[in-house]
Structures are given as structure tokens and as C-alpha cells.
């Protein structure tokens, strides 16, 4: 098959999201999710489009990559082509050649699902195991217990509260109320919810955004944060339980989240919320 690399532009983002949505399945390893692009929509459609690459064959998108930074690509493929030799070789050639306009020269990182032939091809080319991540999953076939927090779905009137929790949790001033409105105006957010958790004193202590890929498919938590003034009280686990309940209400089959394995506190919080760890996944890195 003839495989074509594309920069889809703003008009092509919906097709990339639709492909990612169709590829989500509880039988496959954690992979790039439509919610990842939905969260990145806060950058604005033009900046997001500049960070997305697609590969197509006979008019069908067969791989999607998102540059989560100038030298880090998060990539997945159509599940039925994950072992396809032609696709793996073409992807490897495009990723390893800076002239193709995907990754720059020098040291770079790549996220790719376990079990993909691309991993083996890149390893043969000298790429090496890189940062370890722990994927976690909670099955949603049964009702979810209460979280112990009062949960509100953030909207335009409460965006200031949602963004304030995020800024405190991550120590970043960038997620402002104006940015939230850009995020919420993106088409992917139609299948998302921003949840804010309040303690018994009425303080906003934690927040999460959940992303559905459609009924019967895994949903994603991205991101999850606890206000810096309210850590160490179990609010991280509580907001994750609330996130699972929200996704179940949206028809999701399971709730997914992934964190660096080095973040032991996050792994512990997810496990306390009923999320079970999957086998650790290693990024791939091209040496400088």
C-alpha cells in the first residue's frame, strides 16, 4: 500500500480525532486518545494542527501522531495494522529523518503502543528504551461508589474555579479562564466534562477533565490535579472516583489514565481509586 504523510491542518483535525476514537478498545494497550487532542485544543486549533501528523493509505488514516513538545511525539496506529511491516518501515523512516518534518534532529522521544512492529524496527535502527510509564485502567461495568466530595461540572460561570485548581496543582500560570473557554469551544469537548471537587468546608480541592471516546469505549482522565493547599487528604483518589462515575454515566466501558512510573504518589492515588495498573510501558528515545 502507498502510505502518505500529511499535516492535516485545522480542517483535518476532526478526521484525526474520529480515527483515534474508532481505535479505542479495551482489548488494546493504552494509546493516544481523542481526549489527548481535546486537551491540547486549549492551545487553539491552529497550534494544535501544526503539532499533528497523520499517515494515510487509500484515503484511510492509518496512523496519528501528536507532537507533545518539539521533540516528543505521541503516536498510534490503526489496531489492525499494528504489526504491518510496510507501515512500520514507513513510520520509522519518517520519524528518523528530520527532513520529513515530523521530529527534529538529535535526541527525541516517542510514545507508541506496546506490541507495535514499529518498536522493533526502531530498536533495530538504534533507538533505545526511554522513560517508563504506568498505565492504569478501571472497569466501569459496575456502578461506581461515591467519592466523598461534592462534585460540580464546571461551566462558563465556574471556569475561574476550575482553572485556579489546575494552576495551583501544576504550578503553572498558563491555564487561565480564557484558555478554558478555548478548550470548551473545541469540538472534542462535546464528549468531555470538567469536574471540580469540593470538601465539606466548600473549598475547591481537586479537579479533573474526563474525555469520552463514545459509548462502549474507554474514556480518559486528562488532567487530574489536587490544589496545593489540600494535598495529603485523599482528594486525588476521590476526584478519580468521581471521574470514573462521570465516564460511566457517559457510557464509557472503562476509565484510563497514565502517569510516569517515577510518580509513586500518583500511582498510589489511582490505585486507591480502584484503577488497576497495566504492564509498565517504555517510551523510545533516539540518542543525540
Foldseek 3Di string as FASTA:
>chain_A
DDKDKDLQALVRPVLVQLQQLVQFDPVFFDADHSVVLLVVLLVPSRVFSLQKMFMDDPRHTFKIWGCPDQFEIGMEGRVVCQAPPVVLVVVLVCVQDVVNVNHHDAKGWYHYGPPGVNVVVVVVVPKDWAFKKWKWKFFQPDAFDALQWDKDWDDLVCLQLLQVQVCQFVVDPPSHSVSVVSSCPDPQVVQKTKMFTAHPVRHGFWIWMKGDSAAAGEIEIPDIGTGPVDPPPLVRLSVVSVNSNVRVVRRHRMYMYMDGPVPVVNVVSVVSNRIGIDPMDTMIMHHD
